[in-house]
Each structure stands twice: as structure tokens, then as C-alpha cells.
Protein backbone atom coordinates (compact mmCIF):
# COMPACT_ATOMS: atom_id res chain seq x y z
CA UNK A 1 -19.57 1.51 -29.27
CA UNK A 2 -21.68 1.57 -32.41
CA UNK A 3 -21.68 -1.65 -34.45
CA UNK A 4 -21.91 -0.75 -38.15
CA UNK A 5 -22.70 -3.12 -41.01
CA UNK A 6 -21.49 -2.27 -44.49
CA UNK A 7 -23.82 -3.97 -46.97
CA UNK A 8 -24.14 -4.53 -50.70
CA UNK A 9 -25.15 -7.24 -53.12
CA UNK A 10 -22.18 -9.42 -54.01
CA UNK A 11 -19.80 -8.19 -51.38
CA UNK A 12 -16.58 -7.56 -53.27
CA UNK A 13 -16.44 -3.79 -52.83
CA UNK A 14 -18.36 -3.61 -49.56
CA UNK A 15 -16.36 -6.36 -47.85
CA UNK A 16 -13.17 -4.54 -48.84
CA UNK A 17 -14.69 -1.27 -47.59
CA UNK A 18 -15.69 -2.82 -44.24
CA UNK A 19 -12.17 -4.24 -43.78
CA UNK A 20 -10.64 -0.88 -44.70
CA UNK A 21 -12.87 1.01 -42.26
CA UNK A 22 -12.21 -1.46 -39.44
CA UNK A 23 -8.45 -1.17 -39.98
CA UNK A 24 -8.52 2.62 -40.28
CA UNK A 25 -10.67 3.03 -37.17
CA UNK A 26 -8.15 0.95 -35.24
CA UNK A 27 -5.19 2.92 -36.61
CA UNK A 28 -6.82 6.27 -35.79
CA UNK A 29 -7.94 5.32 -32.29
CA UNK A 30 -11.65 5.22 -33.14
CA UNK A 31 -12.37 1.65 -31.96
CA UNK A 32 -14.12 2.84 -28.80
CA UNK A 33 -16.66 4.65 -31.03
CA UNK A 34 -17.40 2.06 -33.72
CA UNK A 35 -16.69 -1.30 -35.31
CA UNK A 36 -17.39 -2.37 -38.90
CA UNK A 37 -18.44 -5.68 -40.41
CA UNK A 38 -19.63 -6.75 -43.84
CA UNK A 39 -23.11 -8.25 -44.20
CA UNK A 40 -24.61 -9.01 -47.63
CA UNK A 41 -27.85 -7.05 -48.03
CA UNK A 42 -29.76 -10.29 -48.66
CA UNK A 43 -28.72 -11.51 -45.18
CA UNK A 44 -29.28 -8.27 -43.28
CA UNK A 45 -32.84 -9.15 -42.24
CA UNK A 46 -31.53 -12.30 -40.53
CA UNK A 47 -28.50 -10.65 -38.94
CA UNK A 48 -29.82 -7.32 -37.63
CA UNK A 49 -29.12 -8.40 -34.04
CA UNK A 50 -25.38 -8.23 -34.82
CA UNK A 51 -25.31 -4.49 -35.55
CA UNK A 52 -26.78 -1.13 -34.53
CA UNK A 53 -26.77 0.56 -37.94
CA UNK A 54 -26.57 -0.70 -41.53
CA UNK A 55 -24.92 1.45 -44.19
CA UNK A 56 -25.68 0.17 -47.66
CA UNK A 57 -23.78 0.77 -50.91
CA UNK A 58 -25.52 3.29 -53.19
CA UNK A 59 -26.41 0.83 -55.95
CA UNK A 60 -28.58 -1.18 -53.51
CA UNK A 61 -30.97 1.68 -52.72
CA UNK A 62 -33.97 0.12 -54.47
CA UNK A 63 -33.57 -3.10 -52.43
CA UNK A 64 -33.41 -1.07 -49.22
CA UNK A 65 -36.55 0.87 -50.16
CA UNK A 66 -38.36 -2.42 -50.85
CA UNK A 67 -37.39 -3.97 -47.51
CA UNK A 68 -37.50 -0.75 -45.40
CA UNK A 69 -40.56 -1.73 -43.32
CA UNK A 70 -38.92 -5.01 -42.30
CA UNK A 71 -35.79 -3.49 -40.73
CA UNK A 72 -35.65 -3.13 -36.96
CA UNK A 73 -32.43 -1.11 -37.04
CA UNK A 74 -31.68 2.13 -38.87
CA UNK A 75 -30.64 1.49 -42.47
CA UNK A 76 -29.17 4.18 -44.67
CA UNK A 77 -27.56 4.46 -48.07
CA UNK A 78 -23.89 5.40 -48.06
CA UNK A 79 -23.69 8.82 -49.69
CA UNK A 80 -21.67 8.66 -52.89
CA UNK A 81 -19.40 11.38 -51.41
CA UNK A 82 -18.28 8.91 -48.72
CA UNK A 83 -18.18 5.77 -50.79
CA UNK A 84 -15.23 6.88 -52.92
CA UNK A 85 -13.26 8.60 -50.17
CA UNK A 86 -13.76 5.96 -47.49
CA UNK A 87 -12.70 7.95 -44.37
CA UNK A 88 -13.63 6.01 -41.23
CA UNK A 89 -14.24 9.21 -39.23
CA UNK A 90 -16.94 10.34 -41.69
CA UNK A 91 -18.61 6.91 -41.71
CA UNK A 92 -18.69 6.89 -37.92
CA UNK A 93 -20.10 10.43 -37.71
CA UNK A 94 -22.82 9.63 -40.26
CA UNK A 95 -23.68 6.34 -38.49
CA UNK A 96 -23.94 8.12 -35.13
CA UNK A 97 -26.21 10.79 -36.66
CA UNK A 98 -28.37 8.16 -38.41
CA UNK A 99 -28.68 6.22 -35.15
CA UNK A 100 -29.76 9.42 -33.34
CA UNK A 101 -32.33 10.20 -36.04
CA UNK A 102 -33.67 6.64 -35.71
CA UNK A 103 -33.91 6.93 -31.92
CA UNK A 104 -35.87 10.17 -32.41
CA UNK A 105 -38.47 8.58 -34.68
CA UNK A 106 -37.01 8.57 -38.20
CA UNK A 107 -38.28 5.73 -40.37
CA UNK A 108 -36.31 3.52 -42.74
CA UNK A 109 -34.70 4.31 -45.10
CA UNK A 110 -33.12 6.90 -42.80
CA UNK A 111 -31.70 9.84 -44.74
CA UNK A 112 -30.35 13.30 -44.10
CA UNK A 113 -32.79 15.88 -45.52
CA UNK A 114 -29.97 17.88 -47.10
CA UNK A 115 -28.27 14.84 -48.68
CA UNK A 116 -29.10 14.40 -52.37
CA UNK A 117 -30.43 10.94 -53.29
CA UNK A 118 -29.25 10.06 -56.80
CA UNK A 119 -31.77 7.22 -57.19
CA UNK A 120 -34.70 8.89 -55.41
């Protein structure tokens, strides 16, 4: 099972998103594939041992770029296409792919080459 952190600055939207994804993954029988928790981005460096992948809200991309060399887990920005729709299946698939890219040598901030980066 992949342990996924949903991260942002203050936590209002991302904590709600993490709770939604956890509930939806349970309802859709996806719990054997992934679990979701909320971790504020400012605490991620101290809590990386709790998760396998961190998915960060789009507006925190500059913070992730700044701290990228410090992360010992794959960290990615949630694509805006997922952030509004919030389907657990898509989050899990992206997290699995990001984790595979990381295991095969991708560096942080892990991205999909074909995924547009609005803040890049």
C-alpha cells in the first residue's frame, strides 16, 4: 500500500481533500492500494518517514522547488486537472507513477514530462 501525503500551506483545502480521498478510496475498495493523510508543507521535511509520496497543492510549487533537494521521498505538484475533480483513483494512479519514476532515478520535484506546469 502506498502512503500518500496531501500537502499545502494552511491546510484548509488540502486537509479536506485528504479526508475526501481517504473516504472515497475506502468506499471504492482502493484501500489496499493507497492511504491518504494531510501534512502541512512546512512539516513535510520532519514527517517524510510517515509517507511514500507527497502530493502538494499547486499554489505551493515554489516552496517545493526551493526545498526539492532536501526531500528523501518523491514530491510532486498536484496537477490542476486533478485538484478540482478530486477522484481518488486518479490520485492513486498518479502517485504510483510518481513513485515508479522516483525509484527509476527521477529527481524532486518529480513531474510528468507531458504535464503542463502553470508556475514553471
